[in-house]
């Protein structure tokens, strides 16, 4: 494959990721509403660590990158839940 074909593959994957991100954020918004209605804190570090550990085990070769990716995603989700 040449660089243009590889970039096209990345673009296709990015489009899929955007769709999944939009779906995830819609659910995060619902979770935020639930937490507000039930006086629960937005932040749940134990849950975040459980998720990160699960994915580190699933993809040990990308453990560091996986943790960075999901940590950033958690922060974005928490900010969105607080809106």
N, C-alpha and C. Protein backbone atom coordinates (compact mmCIF):
# COMPACT_ATOMS: atom_id res chain seq x y z
N UNK A 1 0.83 -1.19 0.00
CA UNK A 1 0.00 0.00 0.00
C UNK A 1 0.87 1.24 0.00
N UNK A 2 0.41 2.24 -0.73
CA UNK A 2 1.15 3.50 -0.70
C UNK A 2 0.55 4.42 0.37
N UNK A 3 1.19 5.56 0.59
CA UNK A 3 0.80 6.47 1.67
C UNK A 3 -0.64 6.98 1.50
N UNK A 4 -1.07 7.22 0.27
CA UNK A 4 -2.44 7.70 0.05
C UNK A 4 -3.47 6.65 0.43
N UNK A 5 -3.19 5.41 0.12
CA UNK A 5 -4.10 4.33 0.48
C UNK A 5 -4.16 4.14 2.00
N UNK A 6 -3.00 4.25 2.63
CA UNK A 6 -2.96 4.14 4.08
C UNK A 6 -3.73 5.28 4.73
N UNK A 7 -3.57 6.48 4.20
CA UNK A 7 -4.30 7.63 4.74
C UNK A 7 -5.80 7.49 4.54
N UNK A 8 -6.18 6.91 3.42
CA UNK A 8 -7.61 6.67 3.17
C UNK A 8 -8.17 5.68 4.20
N UNK A 9 -7.40 4.67 4.54
CA UNK A 9 -7.82 3.72 5.57
C UNK A 9 -7.98 4.42 6.92
N UNK A 10 -7.02 5.28 7.24
CA UNK A 10 -7.10 6.05 8.50
C UNK A 10 -8.35 6.92 8.50
N UNK A 11 -8.63 7.58 7.38
CA UNK A 11 -9.82 8.42 7.28
C UNK A 11 -11.10 7.62 7.51
N UNK A 12 -11.15 6.43 6.96
CA UNK A 12 -12.33 5.57 7.15
C UNK A 12 -12.47 5.15 8.62
N UNK A 13 -11.37 4.80 9.22
CA UNK A 13 -11.39 4.42 10.64
C UNK A 13 -11.80 5.63 11.49
N UNK A 14 -11.26 6.80 11.18
CA UNK A 14 -11.61 8.01 11.92
C UNK A 14 -13.10 8.31 11.82
N UNK A 15 -13.69 8.09 10.65
CA UNK A 15 -15.13 8.30 10.48
C UNK A 15 -15.92 7.36 11.39
N UNK A 16 -15.48 6.12 11.47
CA UNK A 16 -16.13 5.15 12.35
C UNK A 16 -15.97 5.55 13.81
N UNK A 17 -14.77 6.00 14.15
CA UNK A 17 -14.51 6.42 15.53
C UNK A 17 -15.37 7.63 15.91
N UNK A 18 -15.55 8.55 14.98
CA UNK A 18 -16.40 9.71 15.26
C UNK A 18 -17.83 9.27 15.55
N UNK A 19 -18.34 8.35 14.75
CA UNK A 19 -19.69 7.85 14.98
C UNK A 19 -19.81 7.18 16.35
N UNK A 20 -18.84 6.37 16.71
CA UNK A 20 -18.84 5.72 18.02
C UNK A 20 -18.68 6.73 19.14
N UNK A 21 -17.87 7.75 18.93
CA UNK A 21 -17.69 8.80 19.93
C UNK A 21 -19.01 9.54 20.17
N UNK A 22 -19.71 9.86 19.10
CA UNK A 22 -21.00 10.53 19.23
C UNK A 22 -21.99 9.66 20.02
N UNK A 23 -22.00 8.36 19.74
CA UNK A 23 -22.87 7.45 20.47
C UNK A 23 -22.49 7.39 21.94
N UNK A 24 -21.19 7.32 22.20
CA UNK A 24 -20.71 7.25 23.58
C UNK A 24 -21.07 8.51 24.34
N UNK A 25 -20.91 9.66 23.71
CA UNK A 25 -21.22 10.91 24.39
C UNK A 25 -22.71 11.06 24.66
N UNK A 26 -23.55 10.54 23.79
CA UNK A 26 -25.00 10.57 24.03
C UNK A 26 -25.34 9.75 25.28
N UNK A 27 -24.70 8.60 25.42
CA UNK A 27 -24.93 7.78 26.62
C UNK A 27 -24.33 8.46 27.85
N UNK A 28 -23.16 9.07 27.69
CA UNK A 28 -22.53 9.80 28.81
C UNK A 28 -23.45 10.92 29.30
N UNK A 29 -24.12 11.59 28.39
CA UNK A 29 -25.06 12.65 28.76
C UNK A 29 -26.21 12.06 29.58
N UNK A 30 -26.71 10.91 29.18
CA UNK A 30 -27.78 10.25 29.93
C UNK A 30 -27.29 9.84 31.32
N UNK A 31 -26.07 9.36 31.39
CA UNK A 31 -25.49 9.00 32.69
C UNK A 31 -25.37 10.24 33.56
N UNK A 32 -24.94 11.35 32.97
CA UNK A 32 -24.84 12.60 33.72
C UNK A 32 -26.19 13.03 34.28
N UNK A 33 -27.23 12.90 33.50
CA UNK A 33 -28.59 13.24 33.96
C UNK A 33 -29.01 12.33 35.11
N UNK A 34 -28.72 11.05 34.98
CA UNK A 34 -29.05 10.09 36.03
C UNK A 34 -28.31 10.46 37.32
N UNK A 35 -27.02 10.75 37.19
CA UNK A 35 -26.22 11.08 38.37
C UNK A 35 -26.74 12.34 39.05
N UNK A 36 -27.11 13.34 38.27
CA UNK A 36 -27.67 14.57 38.86
C UNK A 36 -28.98 14.28 39.58
N UNK A 37 -29.85 13.50 38.95
CA UNK A 37 -31.15 13.19 39.54
C UNK A 37 -31.02 12.38 40.83
N UNK A 38 -29.94 11.61 40.96
CA UNK A 38 -29.74 10.75 42.12
C UNK A 38 -28.61 11.24 43.04
N UNK A 39 -28.20 12.49 42.83
CA UNK A 39 -27.15 13.12 43.65
C UNK A 39 -25.88 12.28 43.73
N UNK A 40 -25.48 11.74 42.60
CA UNK A 40 -24.25 10.95 42.53
C UNK A 40 -23.14 11.81 41.94
N UNK A 41 -21.91 11.59 42.37
CA UNK A 41 -20.80 12.36 41.81
C UNK A 41 -20.50 11.95 40.36
N UNK A 42 -20.08 12.91 39.58
CA UNK A 42 -19.70 12.61 38.19
C UNK A 42 -18.43 11.77 38.18
N UNK A 43 -17.51 12.10 39.03
CA UNK A 43 -16.21 11.43 39.06
C UNK A 43 -16.32 10.07 39.77
N UNK A 44 -15.81 9.02 39.13
CA UNK A 44 -15.78 7.69 39.71
C UNK A 44 -14.44 7.03 39.36
N UNK A 45 -13.39 7.40 40.10
CA UNK A 45 -12.04 6.90 39.78
C UNK A 45 -11.92 5.38 39.80
N UNK A 46 -12.66 4.71 40.68
CA UNK A 46 -12.58 3.26 40.75
C UNK A 46 -13.08 2.64 39.45
N UNK A 47 -14.19 3.13 38.94
CA UNK A 47 -14.74 2.62 37.66
C UNK A 47 -13.73 2.87 36.54
N UNK A 48 -13.14 4.05 36.51
CA UNK A 48 -12.17 4.38 35.46
C UNK A 48 -10.99 3.42 35.51
N UNK A 49 -10.49 3.14 36.70
CA UNK A 49 -9.35 2.22 36.82
C UNK A 49 -9.72 0.81 36.39
N UNK A 50 -10.94 0.37 36.72
CA UNK A 50 -11.39 -0.96 36.30
C UNK A 50 -11.40 -1.06 34.77
N UNK A 51 -11.89 -0.02 34.12
CA UNK A 51 -11.96 -0.02 32.65
C UNK A 51 -10.55 -0.03 32.06
N UNK A 52 -9.68 0.82 32.58
CA UNK A 52 -8.31 0.89 32.06
C UNK A 52 -7.60 -0.46 32.25
N UNK A 53 -7.75 -1.06 33.41
CA UNK A 53 -7.11 -2.37 33.64
C UNK A 53 -7.65 -3.43 32.69
N UNK A 54 -8.95 -3.41 32.44
CA UNK A 54 -9.56 -4.38 31.52
C UNK A 54 -8.96 -4.24 30.12
N UNK A 55 -8.82 -2.99 29.66
CA UNK A 55 -8.29 -2.78 28.32
C UNK A 55 -6.78 -2.99 28.25
N UNK A 56 -6.06 -2.73 29.33
CA UNK A 56 -4.63 -3.01 29.35
C UNK A 56 -4.39 -4.51 29.18
N UNK A 57 -5.27 -5.31 29.79
CA UNK A 57 -5.16 -6.77 29.66
C UNK A 57 -5.52 -7.23 28.24
N UNK A 58 -6.50 -6.57 27.64
CA UNK A 58 -6.92 -6.95 26.29
C UNK A 58 -5.88 -6.59 25.24
N UNK A 59 -5.13 -5.52 25.50
CA UNK A 59 -4.15 -5.06 24.51
C UNK A 59 -2.85 -4.66 25.21
N UNK A 60 -2.12 -5.65 25.75
CA UNK A 60 -0.91 -5.33 26.51
C UNK A 60 0.16 -4.60 25.70
N UNK A 61 0.21 -4.87 24.39
CA UNK A 61 1.24 -4.21 23.57
C UNK A 61 0.97 -2.71 23.41
N UNK A 62 -0.28 -2.29 23.67
CA UNK A 62 -0.64 -0.88 23.59
C UNK A 62 -1.12 -0.35 24.93
N UNK A 63 -0.69 -0.97 26.02
CA UNK A 63 -1.20 -0.63 27.35
C UNK A 63 -1.05 0.86 27.68
N UNK A 64 0.11 1.41 27.45
CA UNK A 64 0.35 2.82 27.78
C UNK A 64 -0.53 3.75 26.93
N UNK A 65 -0.61 3.46 25.65
CA UNK A 65 -1.43 4.27 24.74
C UNK A 65 -2.91 4.12 25.06
N UNK A 66 -3.31 2.90 25.41
CA UNK A 66 -4.71 2.66 25.78
C UNK A 66 -5.08 3.46 27.02
N UNK A 67 -4.21 3.47 28.00
CA UNK A 67 -4.48 4.24 29.22
C UNK A 67 -4.58 5.73 28.91
N UNK A 68 -3.69 6.23 28.10
CA UNK A 68 -3.74 7.66 27.73
C UNK A 68 -5.03 7.99 26.99
N UNK A 69 -5.39 7.13 26.04
CA UNK A 69 -6.60 7.35 25.24
C UNK A 69 -7.85 7.37 26.11
N UNK A 70 -8.00 6.35 26.95
CA UNK A 70 -9.20 6.28 27.77
C UNK A 70 -9.21 7.31 28.88
N UNK A 71 -8.07 7.66 29.43
CA UNK A 71 -8.03 8.73 30.43
C UNK A 71 -8.53 10.04 29.83
N UNK A 72 -8.09 10.34 28.62
CA UNK A 72 -8.57 11.56 27.94
C UNK A 72 -10.06 11.46 27.66
N UNK A 73 -10.52 10.31 27.23
CA UNK A 73 -11.94 10.11 26.95
C UNK A 73 -12.78 10.28 28.22
N UNK A 74 -12.30 9.77 29.33
CA UNK A 74 -13.02 9.92 30.60
C UNK A 74 -13.15 11.40 30.97
N UNK A 75 -12.08 12.15 30.80
CA UNK A 75 -12.13 13.58 31.13
C UNK A 75 -13.14 14.32 30.26
N UNK A 76 -13.14 14.01 28.98
CA UNK A 76 -14.10 14.63 28.06
C UNK A 76 -15.53 14.26 28.47
N UNK A 77 -15.75 13.00 28.78
CA UNK A 77 -17.08 12.53 29.17
C UNK A 77 -17.55 13.20 30.46
N UNK A 78 -16.65 13.33 31.43
CA UNK A 78 -17.04 13.97 32.71
C UNK A 78 -17.42 15.43 32.49
N UNK A 79 -16.65 16.13 31.68
CA UNK A 79 -16.98 17.54 31.39
C UNK A 79 -18.33 17.64 30.69
N UNK A 80 -18.60 16.73 29.79
CA UNK A 80 -19.87 16.72 29.06
C UNK A 80 -21.04 16.40 30.00
N UNK A 81 -20.82 15.49 30.93
CA UNK A 81 -21.85 15.12 31.90
C UNK A 81 -22.21 16.31 32.81
N UNK A 82 -21.25 17.16 33.05
CA UNK A 82 -21.48 18.31 33.94
C UNK A 82 -22.17 19.47 33.26
N UNK A 83 -22.35 19.39 31.95
CA UNK A 83 -22.98 20.48 31.20
C UNK A 83 -24.48 20.52 31.46
